[in-house]
Amino acid sequence: MATIDTLSDWLEEQTSRSLLIQKEEQGDLDQVMIHLNKIDYRPGTTNGNDDYTNSSALLLHGEGVVLTDAEQPPLPGNVFEIPLEGLTKVEAEGTRALLQTERGTYHIIQNP
């Protein structure tokens, strides 16, 4: 099974390319088109006062749009966040990548 490092390496290879991201979560499908500028990793943190945990995540930076039936609003903050908590599966090969967590599934596809 591939690791998050495999996915990070694949995403680094996609820098300066357009990607379609499809997020399936609780029966809903959200789609984003992003021109990837860079990726970052945000480690998980715990707030010492109330033990609130902010899970680790991959942050995909770049200009993008949220694809909806009616319109295409800009991607908020030019960042798409993929939480890594509960990560169960990672695949990255060729023009596609897949990341599955306990909450949802992310398909990332290189846009020609």
PDB file of N, CA and C in Angstrom:
ATOM      1  N   MET A   1       0.840  -1.186   0.000  1.00  0.00           N
ATOM      2  CA  MET A   1       0.000   0.000   0.000  1.00  0.00           C
ATOM      3  C   MET A   1       0.884   1.248   0.000  1.00  0.00           C
ATOM      4  N   ALA A   2       0.483   2.215  -0.767  1.00  0.00           N
ATOM      5  CA  ALA A   2       1.214   3.469  -0.840  1.00  0.00           C
ATOM      6  C   ALA A   2       1.052   4.234   0.481  1.00  0.00           C
ATOM      7  N   THR A   3       1.938   5.179   0.703  1.00  0.00           N
ATOM      8  CA  THR A   3       1.903   5.973   1.925  1.00  0.00           C
ATOM      9  C   THR A   3       1.594   7.424   1.584  1.00  0.00           C
ATOM     10  N   ILE A   4       1.444   8.225   2.625  1.00  0.00           N
ATOM     11  CA  ILE A   4       1.206   9.648   2.420  1.00  0.00           C
ATOM     12  C   ILE A   4       2.403  10.289   1.729  1.00  0.00           C
ATOM     13  N   ASP A   5       3.618   9.733   1.955  1.00  0.00           N
ATOM     14  CA  ASP A   5       4.793  10.238   1.246  1.00  0.00           C
ATOM     15  C   ASP A   5       4.667   9.999  -0.250  1.00  0.00           C
ATOM     16  N   THR A   6       4.113   8.848  -0.627  1.00  0.00           N
ATOM     17  CA  THR A   6       3.887   8.550  -2.039  1.00  0.00           C
ATOM     18  C   THR A   6       2.945   9.577  -2.645  1.00  0.00           C
ATOM     19  N   LEU A   7       1.870   9.898  -1.926  1.00  0.00           N
ATOM     20  CA  LEU A   7       0.912  10.890  -2.411  1.00  0.00           C
ATOM     21  C   LEU A   7       1.562  12.265  -2.488  1.00  0.00           C
ATOM     22  N   SER A   8       2.331  12.627  -1.473  1.00  0.00           N
ATOM     23  CA  SER A   8       3.018  13.922  -1.488  1.00  0.00           C
ATOM     24  C   SER A   8       3.962  14.036  -2.681  1.00  0.00           C
ATOM     25  N   ASP A   9       4.710  12.963  -2.946  1.00  0.00           N
ATOM     26  CA  ASP A   9       5.617  12.964  -4.101  1.00  0.00           C
ATOM     27  C   ASP A   9       4.831  13.119  -5.398  1.00  0.00           C
ATOM     28  N   TRP A  10       3.699  12.402  -5.517  1.00  0.00           N
ATOM     29  CA  TRP A  10       2.870  12.491  -6.712  1.00  0.00           C
ATOM     30  C   TRP A  10       2.337  13.915  -6.881  1.00  0.00           C
ATOM     31  N   LEU A  11       1.886  14.517  -5.785  1.00  0.00           N
ATOM     32  CA  LEU A  11       1.373  15.883  -5.852  1.00  0.00           C
ATOM     33  C   LEU A  11       2.472  16.869  -6.239  1.00  0.00           C
ATOM     34  N   GLU A  12       3.680  16.664  -5.718  1.00  0.00           N
ATOM     35  CA  GLU A  12       4.804  17.541  -6.099  1.00  0.00           C
ATOM     36  C   GLU A  12       5.034  17.492  -7.610  1.00  0.00           C
ATOM     37  N   GLU A  13       4.872  16.316  -8.197  1.00  0.00           N
ATOM     38  CA  GLU A  13       5.020  16.171  -9.652  1.00  0.00           C
ATOM     39  C   GLU A  13       3.911  16.899 -10.411  1.00  0.00           C
ATOM     40  N   GLN A  14       2.794  17.169  -9.742  1.00  0.00           N
ATOM     41  CA  GLN A  14       1.657  17.831 -10.386  1.00  0.00           C
ATOM     42  C   GLN A  14       1.707  19.356 -10.260  1.00  0.00           C
ATOM     43  N   THR A  15       2.724  19.890  -9.582  1.00  0.00           N
ATOM     44  CA  THR A  15       2.849  21.332  -9.438  1.00  0.00           C
ATOM     45  C   THR A  15       2.836  21.995 -10.810  1.00  0.00           C
ATOM     46  N   SER A  16       2.101  23.094 -10.908  1.00  0.00           N
ATOM     47  CA  SER A  16       1.907  23.870 -12.147  1.00  0.00           C
ATOM     48  C   SER A  16       0.945  23.191 -13.122  1.00  0.00           C
ATOM     49  N   ARG A  17       0.203  22.202 -12.646  1.00  0.00           N
ATOM     50  CA  ARG A  17      -0.808  21.546 -13.474  1.00  0.00           C
ATOM     51  C   ARG A  17      -2.189  21.782 -12.863  1.00  0.00           C
ATOM     52  N   SER A  18      -3.196  21.602 -13.686  1.00  0.00           N
ATOM     53  CA  SER A  18      -4.573  21.682 -13.206  1.00  0.00           C
ATOM     54  C   SER A  18      -5.034  20.297 -12.775  1.00  0.00           C
ATOM     55  N   LEU A  19      -5.711  20.261 -11.636  1.00  0.00           N
ATOM     56  CA  LEU A  19      -6.200  19.009 -11.079  1.00  0.00           C
ATOM     57  C   LEU A  19      -7.683  19.120 -10.780  1.00  0.00           C
ATOM     58  N   LEU A  20      -8.409  18.040 -11.027  1.00  0.00           N
ATOM     59  CA  LEU A  20      -9.793  17.920 -10.609  1.00  0.00           C
ATOM     60  C   LEU A  20      -9.794  17.096  -9.323  1.00  0.00           C
ATOM     61  N   ILE A  21     -10.392  17.644  -8.273  1.00  0.00           N
ATOM     62  CA  ILE A  21     -10.489  16.938  -6.996  1.00  0.00           C
ATOM     63  C   ILE A  21     -11.961  16.644  -6.746  1.00  0.00           C
ATOM     64  N   GLN A  22     -12.258  15.378  -6.544  1.00  0.00           N
ATOM     65  CA  GLN A  22     -13.619  14.951  -6.222  1.00  0.00           C
ATOM     66  C   GLN A  22     -13.603  14.389  -4.807  1.00  0.00           C
ATOM     67  N   LYS A  23     -14.412  14.999  -3.947  1.00  0.00           N
ATOM     68  CA  LYS A  23     -14.493  14.563  -2.552  1.00  0.00           C
ATOM     69  C   LYS A  23     -15.872  13.947  -2.321  1.00  0.00           C
ATOM     70  N   GLU A  24     -15.881  12.671  -1.954  1.00  0.00           N
ATOM     71  CA  GLU A  24     -17.124  11.984  -1.617  1.00  0.00           C
ATOM     72  C   GLU A  24     -17.171  11.825  -0.103  1.00  0.00           C
ATOM     73  N   GLU A  25     -18.224  12.390   0.505  1.00  0.00           N
ATOM     74  CA  GLU A  25     -18.340  12.325   1.962  1.00  0.00           C
ATOM     75  C   GLU A  25     -19.812  12.260   2.339  1.00  0.00           C
ATOM     76  N   GLN A  26     -20.208  11.230   3.041  1.00  0.00           N
ATOM     77  CA  GLN A  26     -21.578  11.037   3.522  1.00  0.00           C
ATOM     78  C   GLN A  26     -22.601  11.187   2.397  1.00  0.00           C
ATOM     79  N   GLY A  27     -22.315  10.586   1.253  1.00  0.00           N
ATOM     80  CA  GLY A  27     -23.248  10.600   0.135  1.00  0.00           C
ATOM     81  C   GLY A  27     -23.212  11.853  -0.717  1.00  0.00           C
ATOM     82  N   ASP A  28     -22.419  12.845  -0.345  1.00  0.00           N
ATOM     83  CA  ASP A  28     -22.303  14.081  -1.126  1.00  0.00           C
ATOM     84  C   ASP A  28     -21.038  14.041  -1.967  1.00  0.00           C
ATOM     85  N   LEU A  29     -21.107  14.664  -3.140  1.00  0.00           N
ATOM     86  CA  LEU A  29     -19.942  14.783  -4.008  1.00  0.00           C
ATOM     87  C   LEU A  29     -19.632  16.259  -4.206  1.00  0.00           C
ATOM     88  N   ASP A  30     -18.443  16.680  -3.805  1.00  0.00           N
ATOM     89  CA  ASP A  30     -17.965  18.040  -4.037  1.00  0.00           C
ATOM     90  C   ASP A  30     -16.814  17.950  -5.025  1.00  0.00           C
ATOM     91  N   GLN A  31     -16.767  18.934  -5.937  1.00  0.00           N
ATOM     92  CA  GLN A  31     -15.703  18.941  -6.941  1.00  0.00           C
ATOM     93  C   GLN A  31     -15.035  20.307  -6.989  1.00  0.00           C
ATOM     94  N   VAL A  32     -13.719  20.269  -7.119  1.00  0.00           N
ATOM     95  CA  VAL A  32     -12.910  21.484  -7.194  1.00  0.00           C
ATOM     96  C   VAL A  32     -11.911  21.317  -8.328  1.00  0.00           C
ATOM     97  N   MET A  33     -11.723  22.375  -9.091  1.00  0.00           N
ATOM     98  CA  MET A  33     -10.661  22.428 -10.087  1.00  0.00           C
ATOM     99  C   MET A  33      -9.624  23.409  -9.554  1.00  0.00           C
ATOM    100  N   ILE A  34      -8.364  22.963  -9.475  1.00  0.00           N
ATOM    101  CA  ILE A  34      -7.312  23.806  -8.914  1.00  0.00           C
ATOM    102  C   ILE A  34      -6.074  23.745  -9.808  1.00  0.00           C
ATOM    103  N   HIS A  35      -5.431  24.899  -9.984  1.00  0.00           N
ATOM    104  CA  HIS A  35      -4.128  24.955 -10.650  1.00  0.00           C
ATOM    105  C   HIS A  35      -3.096  24.927  -9.516  1.00  0.00           C
ATOM    106  N   LEU A  36      -2.483  23.772  -9.312  1.00  0.00           N
ATOM    107  CA  LEU A  36      -1.640  23.537  -8.144  1.00  0.00           C
ATOM    108  C   LEU A  36      -0.337  24.327  -8.213  1.00  0.00           C
ATOM    109  N   ASN A  37      -0.123  25.161  -7.195  1.00  0.00           N
ATOM    110  CA  ASN A  37       1.123  25.924  -7.087  1.00  0.00           C
ATOM    111  C   ASN A  37       2.118  25.257  -6.148  1.00  0.00           C
ATOM    112  N   LYS A  38       1.605  24.744  -5.025  1.00  0.00           N
ATOM    113  CA  LYS A  38       2.483  24.074  -4.059  1.00  0.00           C
ATOM    114  C   LYS A  38       1.624  23.268  -3.105  1.00  0.00           C
ATOM    115  N   ILE A  39       2.278  22.360  -2.385  1.00  0.00           N
ATOM    116  CA  ILE A  39       1.593  21.608  -1.331  1.00  0.00           C
ATOM    117  C   ILE A  39       2.337  21.803  -0.018  1.00  0.00           C
ATOM    118  N   ASP A  40       1.584  21.753   1.059  1.00  0.00           N
ATOM    119  CA  ASP A  40       2.143  21.833   2.410  1.00  0.00           C
ATOM    120  C   ASP A  40       1.533  20.718   3.234  1.00  0.00           C
ATOM    121  N   TYR A  41       2.237  20.357   4.275  1.00  0.00           N
ATOM    122  CA  TYR A  41       1.726  19.414   5.261  1.00  0.00           C
ATOM    123  C   TYR A  41       1.546  20.169   6.565  1.00  0.00           C
ATOM    124  N   ARG A  42       0.363  20.065   7.155  1.00  0.00           N
ATOM    125  CA  ARG A  42       0.122  20.679   8.457  1.00  0.00           C
ATOM    126  C   ARG A  42       0.019  19.568   9.490  1.00  0.00           C
ATOM    127  N   PRO A  43       0.961  19.506  10.424  1.00  0.00           N
ATOM    128  CA  PRO A  43       0.888  18.459  11.449  1.00  0.00           C
ATOM    129  C   PRO A  43      -0.277  18.721  12.397  1.00  0.00           C
ATOM    130  N   GLY A  44      -0.773  17.662  13.001  1.00  0.00           N
ATOM    131  CA  GLY A  44      -1.842  17.793  13.984  1.00  0.00           C
ATOM    132  C   GLY A  44      -1.344  18.486  15.229  1.00  0.00           C
ATOM    133  N   THR A  45      -2.226  19.251  15.868  1.00  0.00           N
ATOM    134  CA  THR A  45      -1.874  19.955  17.093  1.00  0.00           C
ATOM    135  C   THR A  45      -2.978  19.742  18.119  1.00  0.00           C
ATOM    136  N   THR A  46      -2.620  19.868  19.380  1.00  0.00           N
ATOM    137  CA  THR A  46      -3.587  19.762  20.462  1.00  0.00           C
ATOM    138  C   THR A  46      -3.573  21.054  21.256  1.00  0.00           C
ATOM    139  N   ASN A  47      -4.760  21.598  21.506  1.00  0.00           N
ATOM    140  CA  ASN A  47      -4.883  22.776  22.344  1.00  0.00           C
ATOM    141  C   ASN A  47      -4.819  22.310  23.795  1.00  0.00           C
ATOM    142  N   GLY A  48      -3.826  22.735  24.522  1.00  0.00           N
ATOM    143  CA  GLY A  48      -3.611  22.276  25.882  1.00  0.00           C
ATOM    144  C   GLY A  48      -4.748  22.594  26.845  1.00  0.00           C
ATOM    145  N   ASN A  49      -5.530  23.643  26.558  1.00  0.00           N
ATOM    146  CA  ASN A  49      -6.598  24.039  27.477  1.00  0.00           C
ATOM    147  C   ASN A  49      -7.781  23.077  27.464  1.00  0.00           C
ATOM    148  N   ASP A  50      -8.157  22.584  26.279  1.00  0.00           N
ATOM    149  CA  ASP A  50      -9.361  21.754  26.224  1.00  0.00           C
ATOM    150  C   ASP A  50      -9.167  20.451  25.449  1.00  0.00           C
ATOM    151  N   ASP A  51      -7.919  20.090  25.169  1.00  0.00           N
ATOM    152  CA  ASP A  51      -7.587  18.860  24.446  1.00  0.00           C
ATOM    153  C   ASP A  51      -8.215  18.795  23.051  1.00  0.00           C
ATOM    154  N   TYR A  52      -8.623  19.936  22.492  1.00  0.00           N
ATOM    155  CA  TYR A  52      -9.146  19.964  21.134  1.00  0.00           C
ATOM    156  C   TYR A  52      -7.996  19.647  20.177  1.00  0.00           C
ATOM    157  N   THR A  53      -8.235  18.730  19.248  1.00  0.00           N
ATOM    158  CA  THR A  53      -7.205  18.328  18.310  1.00  0.00           C
ATOM    159  C   THR A  53      -7.517  18.860  16.925  1.00  0.00           C
ATOM    160  N   ASN A  54      -6.549  19.499  16.319  1.00  0.00           N
ATOM    161  CA  ASN A  54      -6.642  19.951  14.944  1.00  0.00           C
ATOM    162  C   ASN A  54      -5.858  18.922  14.133  1.00  0.00           C
ATOM    163  N   SER A  55      -6.538  18.106  13.343  1.00  0.00           N
ATOM    164  CA  SER A  55      -5.887  16.971  12.691  1.00  0.00           C
ATOM    165  C   SER A  55      -4.887  17.418  11.634  1.00  0.00           C
ATOM    166  N   SER A  56      -3.951  16.536  11.339  1.00  0.00           N
ATOM    167  CA  SER A  56      -2.985  16.809  10.292  1.00  0.00           C
ATOM    168  C   SER A  56      -3.705  16.836   8.947  1.00  0.00           C
ATOM    169  N   ALA A  57      -3.110  17.554   7.989  1.00  0.00           N
ATOM    170  CA  ALA A  57      -3.762  17.709   6.693  1.00  0.00           C
ATOM    171  C   ALA A  57      -2.741  18.028   5.613  1.00  0.00           C
ATOM    172  N   LEU A  58      -3.095  17.686   4.381  1.00  0.00           N
ATOM    173  CA  LEU A  58      -2.372  18.171   3.213  1.00  0.00           C
ATOM    174  C   LEU A  58      -3.072  19.436   2.746  1.00  0.00           C
ATOM    175  N   LEU A  59      -2.315  20.466   2.453  1.00  0.00           N
ATOM    176  CA  LEU A  59      -2.867  21.726   1.971  1.00  0.00           C
ATOM    177  C   LEU A  59      -2.406  21.928   0.538  1.00  0.00           C
ATOM    178  N   LEU A  60      -3.368  21.967  -0.371  1.00  0.00           N
ATOM    179  CA  LEU A  60      -3.070  22.179  -1.783  1.00  0.00           C
ATOM    180  C   LEU A  60      -3.320  23.644  -2.102  1.00  0.00           C
ATOM    181  N   HIS A  61      -2.267  24.368  -2.473  1.00  0.00           N
ATOM    182  CA  HIS A  61      -2.361  25.801  -2.737  1.00  0.00           C
ATOM    183  C   HIS A  61      -2.433  26.051  -4.241  1.00  0.00           C
ATOM    184  N   GLY A  62      -3.330  26.956  -4.626  1.00  0.00           N
ATOM    185  CA  GLY A  62      -3.425  27.360  -6.018  1.00  0.00           C
ATOM    186  C   GLY A  62      -4.779  27.971  -6.304  1.00  0.00           C
ATOM    187  N   GLU A  63      -4.857  28.681  -7.408  1.00  0.00           N
ATOM    188  CA  GLU A  63      -6.131  29.262  -7.806  1.00  0.00           C
ATOM    189  C   GLU A  63      -7.051  28.150  -8.262  1.00  0.00           C
ATOM    190  N   GLY A  64      -8.302  28.258  -7.856  1.00  0.00           N
ATOM    191  CA  GLY A  64      -9.237  27.218  -8.231  1.00  0.00           C
ATOM    192  C   GLY A  64     -10.672  27.681  -8.149  1.00  0.00           C
ATOM    193  N   VAL A  65     -11.563  26.794  -8.554  1.00  0.00           N
ATOM    194  CA  VAL A  65     -12.994  27.054  -8.484  1.00  0.00           C
ATOM    195  C   VAL A  65     -13.692  25.829  -7.922  1.00  0.00           C
ATOM    196  N   VAL A  66     -14.805  26.092  -7.242  1.00  0.00           N
ATOM    197  CA  VAL A  66     -15.670  25.031  -6.756  1.00  0.00           C
ATOM    198  C   VAL A  66     -16.697  24.777  -7.856  1.00  0.00           C
ATOM    199  N   LEU A  67     -16.789  23.532  -8.307  1.00  0.00           N
ATOM    200  CA  LEU A  67     -17.690  23.206  -9.403  1.00  0.00           C
ATOM    201  C   LEU A  67     -19.067  22.846  -8.840  1.00  0.00           C
ATOM    202  N   THR A  68     -20.072  23.632  -9.229  1.00  0.00           N
ATOM    203  CA  THR A  68     -21.449  23.379  -8.816  1.00  0.00           C
ATOM    204  C   THR A  68     -22.329  23.404 -10.056  1.00  0.00           C
ATOM    205  N   ASP A  69     -23.582  23.013  -9.899  1.00  0.00           N
ATOM    206  CA  ASP A  69     -24.518  23.028 -11.025  1.00  0.00           C
ATOM    207  C   ASP A  69     -24.801  24.441 -11.504  1.00  0.00           C
ATOM    208  N   ALA A  70     -24.851  25.392 -10.583  1.00  0.00           N
ATOM    209  CA  ALA A  70     -25.282  26.739 -10.923  1.00  0.00           C
ATOM    210  C   ALA A  70     -24.142  27.699 -11.258  1.00  0.00           C
ATOM    211  N   GLU A  71     -23.034  27.585 -10.556  1.00  0.00           N
ATOM    212  CA  GLU A  71     -21.955  28.561 -10.733  1.00  0.00           C
ATOM    213  C   GLU A  71     -20.618  27.930 -10.381  1.00  0.00           C
ATOM    214  N   GLN A  72     -19.556  28.722 -10.504  1.00  0.00           N
ATOM    215  CA  GLN A  72     -18.219  28.250 -10.154  1.00  0.00           C
ATOM    216  C   GLN A  72     -17.524  29.300  -9.289  1.00  0.00           C
ATOM    217  N   PRO A  73     -17.892  29.347  -7.992  1.00  0.00           N
ATOM    218  CA  PRO A  73     -17.248  30.325  -7.116  1.00  0.00           C
ATOM    219  C   PRO A  73     -15.773  29.990  -6.914  1.00  0.00           C
ATOM    220  N   PRO A  74     -14.970  31.019  -6.624  1.00  0.00           N
ATOM    221  CA  PRO A  74     -13.537  30.769  -6.396  1.00  0.00           C
ATOM    222  C   PRO A  74     -13.303  29.906  -5.159  1.00  0.00           C
ATOM    223  N   LEU A  75     -12.226  29.164  -5.195  1.00  0.00           N
ATOM    224  CA  LEU A  75     -11.815  28.340  -4.061  1.00  0.00           C
ATOM    225  C   LEU A  75     -11.425  29.263  -2.909  1.00  0.00           C
ATOM    226  N   PRO A  76     -12.094  29.139  -1.750  1.00  0.00           N
ATOM    227  CA  PRO A  76     -11.798  30.043  -0.628  1.00  0.00           C
ATOM    228  C   PRO A  76     -10.325  29.988  -0.219  1.00  0.00           C
ATOM    229  N   GLY A  77      -9.707  31.159  -0.169  1.00  0.00           N
ATOM    230  CA  GLY A  77      -8.325  31.267   0.273  1.00  0.00           C
ATOM    231  C   GLY A  77      -7.310  30.624  -0.652  1.00  0.00           C
ATOM    232  N   ASN A  78      -7.753  30.173  -1.843  1.00  0.00           N
ATOM    233  CA  ASN A  78      -6.865  29.484  -2.785  1.00  0.00           C
ATOM    234  C   ASN A  78      -6.153  28.301  -2.138  1.00  0.00           C
ATOM    235  N   VAL A  79      -6.883  27.590  -1.248  1.00  0.00           N
ATOM    236  CA  VAL A  79      -6.335  26.418  -0.568  1.00  0.00           C
ATOM    237  C   VAL A  79      -7.419  25.348  -0.493  1.00  0.00           C
ATOM    238  N   PHE A  80      -7.026  24.104  -0.839  1.00  0.00           N
ATOM    239  CA  PHE A  80      -7.902  22.952  -0.642  1.00  0.00           C
ATOM    240  C   PHE A  80      -7.250  22.072   0.408  1.00  0.00           C
ATOM    241  N   GLU A  81      -7.996  21.779   1.463  1.00  0.00           N
ATOM    242  CA  GLU A  81      -7.455  21.026   2.591  1.00  0.00           C
ATOM    243  C   GLU A  81      -7.964  19.589   2.566  1.00  0.00           C
ATOM    244  N   ILE A  82      -7.042  18.641   2.703  1.00  0.00           N
ATOM    245  CA  ILE A  82      -7.399  17.230   2.803  1.00  0.00           C
ATOM    246  C   ILE A  82      -6.994  16.739   4.192  1.00  0.00           C
ATOM    247  N   PRO A  83      -7.977  16.585   5.107  1.00  0.00           N
ATOM    248  CA  PRO A  83      -7.651  16.078   6.447  1.00  0.00           C
ATOM    249  C   PRO A  83      -7.134  14.645   6.360  1.00  0.00           C
ATOM    250  N   LEU A  84      -6.137  14.327   7.169  1.00  0.00           N
ATOM    251  CA  LEU A  84      -5.511  13.004   7.122  1.00  0.00           C
ATOM    252  C   LEU A  84      -5.902  12.113   8.294  1.00  0.00           C
ATOM    253  N   GLU A  85      -6.732  12.607   9.178  1.00  0.00           N
ATOM    254  CA  GLU A  85      -7.168  11.807  10.327  1.00  0.00           C
ATOM    255  C   GLU A  85      -7.965  10.594   9.838  1.00  0.00           C
ATOM    256  N   GLY A  86      -7.648   9.432  10.362  1.00  0.00           N
ATOM    257  CA  GLY A  86      -8.362   8.215   9.986  1.00  0.00           C
ATOM    258  C   GLY A  86      -8.014   7.716   8.595  1.00  0.00           C
ATOM    259  N   LEU A  87      -6.809   8.026   8.135  1.00  0.00           N
ATOM    260  CA  LEU A  87      -6.374   7.607   6.799  1.00  0.00           C
ATOM    261  C   LEU A  87      -6.357   6.088   6.689  1.00  0.00           C
ATOM    262  N   THR A  88      -7.040   5.552   5.656  1.00  0.00           N
ATOM    263  CA  THR A  88      -7.122   4.105   5.494  1.00  0.00           C
ATOM    264  C   THR A  88      -6.523   3.608   4.189  1.00  0.00           C
ATOM    265  N   LYS A  89      -6.424   4.494   3.169  1.00  0.00           N
ATOM    266  CA  LYS A  89      -5.925   4.029   1.876  1.00  0.00           C
ATOM    267  C   LYS A  89      -5.329   5.191   1.091  1.00  0.00           C
ATOM    268  N   VAL A  90      -4.209   4.923   0.421  1.00  0.00           N
ATOM    269  CA  VAL A  90      -3.566   5.905  -0.447  1.00  0.00           C
ATOM    270  C   VAL A  90      -3.105   5.190  -1.706  1.00  0.00           C
ATOM    271  N   GLU A  91      -3.443   5.741  -2.861  1.00  0.00           N
ATOM    272  CA  GLU A  91      -2.939   5.252  -4.142  1.00  0.00           C
ATOM    273  C   GLU A  91      -2.542   6.461  -4.973  1.00  0.00           C
ATOM    274  N   ALA A  92      -1.450   6.351  -5.697  1.00  0.00           N
ATOM    275  CA  ALA A  92      -1.016   7.434  -6.578  1.00  0.00           C
ATOM    276  C   ALA A  92      -0.207   6.830  -7.710  1.00  0.00           C
ATOM    277  N   GLU A  93      -0.733   6.961  -8.924  1.00  0.00           N
ATOM    278  CA  GLU A  93      -0.048   6.396 -10.082  1.00  0.00           C
ATOM    279  C   GLU A  93      -0.531   7.072 -11.352  1.00  0.00           C
ATOM    280  N   GLY A  94       0.401   7.378 -12.230  1.00  0.00           N
ATOM    281  CA  GLY A  94       0.034   7.975 -13.510  1.00  0.00           C
ATOM    282  C   GLY A  94      -0.633   9.325 -13.342  1.00  0.00           C
ATOM    283  N   THR A  95      -1.856   9.451 -13.861  1.00  0.00           N
ATOM    284  CA  THR A  95      -2.574  10.726 -13.832  1.00  0.00           C
ATOM    285  C   THR A  95      -3.615  10.794 -12.725  1.00  0.00           C
ATOM    286  N   ARG A  96      -3.627   9.805 -11.815  1.00  0.00           N
ATOM    287  CA  ARG A  96      -4.667   9.744 -10.784  1.00  0.00           C
ATOM    288  C   ARG A  96      -4.092   9.417  -9.406  1.00  0.00           C
ATOM    289  N   ALA A  97      -4.803   9.915  -8.407  1.00  0.00           N
ATOM    290  CA  ALA A  97      -4.481   9.565  -7.021  1.00  0.00           C
ATOM    291  C   ALA A  97      -5.790   9.379  -6.261  1.00  0.00           C
ATOM    292  N   LEU A  98      -5.729   8.573  -5.227  1.00  0.00           N
ATOM    293  CA  LEU A  98      -6.881   8.291  -4.387  1.00  0.00           C
ATOM    294  C   LEU A  98      -6.431   8.338  -2.938  1.00  0.00           C
ATOM    295  N   LEU A  99      -7.236   8.969  -2.107  1.00  0.00           N
ATOM    296  CA  LEU A  99      -6.957   9.026  -0.682  1.00  0.00           C
ATOM    297  C   LEU A  99      -8.271   8.749   0.031  1.00  0.00           C
ATOM    298  N   GLN A 100      -8.260   7.790   0.935  1.00  0.00           N
ATOM    299  CA  GLN A 100      -9.480   7.421   1.647  1.00  0.00           C
ATOM    300  C   GLN A 100      -9.256   7.554   3.141  1.00  0.00           C
ATOM    301  N   THR A 101     -10.198   8.233   3.802  1.00  0.00           N
ATOM    302  CA  THR A 101     -10.170   8.370   5.249  1.00  0.00           C
ATOM    303  C   THR A 101     -11.475   7.794   5.803  1.00  0.00           C
ATOM    304  N   GLU A 102     -11.592   7.789   7.121  1.00  0.00           N
ATOM    305  CA  GLU A 102     -12.827   7.318   7.730  1.00  0.00           C
ATOM    306  C   GLU A 102     -14.018   8.196   7.347  1.00  0.00           C
ATOM    307  N   ARG A 103     -13.765   9.460   7.029  1.00  0.00           N
ATOM    308  CA  ARG A 103     -14.836  10.408   6.708  1.00  0.00           C
ATOM    309  C   ARG A 103     -15.186  10.452   5.228  1.00  0.00           C
ATOM    310  N   GLY A 104     -14.219  10.243   4.356  1.00  0.00           N
ATOM    311  CA  GLY A 104     -14.514  10.406   2.936  1.00  0.00           C
ATOM    312  C   GLY A 104     -13.421   9.891   2.036  1.00  0.00           C
ATOM    313  N   THR A 105     -13.694   9.990   0.727  1.00  0.00           N
ATOM    314  CA  THR A 105     -12.767   9.537  -0.307  1.00  0.00           C
ATOM    315  C   THR A 105     -12.460  10.722  -1.228  1.00  0.00           C
ATOM    316  N   TYR A 106     -11.191  10.876  -1.555  1.00  0.00           N
ATOM    317  CA  TYR A 106     -10.736  11.954  -2.433  1.00  0.00           C
ATOM    318  C   TYR A 106     -10.124  11.324  -3.687  1.00  0.00           C
ATOM    319  N   HIS A 107     -10.660  11.702  -4.840  1.00  0.00           N
ATOM    320  CA  HIS A 107     -10.087  11.324  -6.122  1.00  0.00           C
ATOM    321  C   HIS A 107      -9.426  12.574  -6.692  1.00  0.00           C
ATOM    322  N   ILE A 108      -8.160  12.469  -7.051  1.00  0.00           N
ATOM    323  CA  ILE A 108      -7.436  13.606  -7.630  1.00  0.00           C
ATOM    324  C   ILE A 108      -6.978  13.181  -9.007  1.00  0.00           C
ATOM    325  N   ILE A 109      -7.417  13.941 -10.014  1.00  0.00           N
ATOM    326  CA  ILE A 109      -7.201  13.553 -11.411  1.00  0.00           C
ATOM    327  C   ILE A 109      -6.514  14.696 -12.146  1.00  0.00           C
ATOM    328  N   GLN A 110      -5.441  14.377 -12.820  1.00  0.00           N
ATOM    329  CA  GLN A 110      -4.740  15.363 -13.639  1.00  0.00           C
ATOM    330  C   GLN A 110      -5.668  15.783 -14.773  1.00  0.00           C
ATOM    331  N   ASN A 111      -5.856  17.095 -14.929  1.00  0.00           N
ATOM    332  CA  ASN A 111      -6.725  17.621 -15.970  1.00  0.00           C
ATOM    333  C   ASN A 111      -5.872  17.892 -17.208  1.00  0.00           C
ATOM    334  N   PRO A 112      -6.231  17.273 -18.323  1.00  0.00           N
ATOM    335  CA  PRO A 112      -5.389  17.448 -19.536  1.00  0.00           C
ATOM    336  C   PRO A 112      -5.361  18.870 -20.030  1.00  0.00           C
TER     337      PRO A 112
END
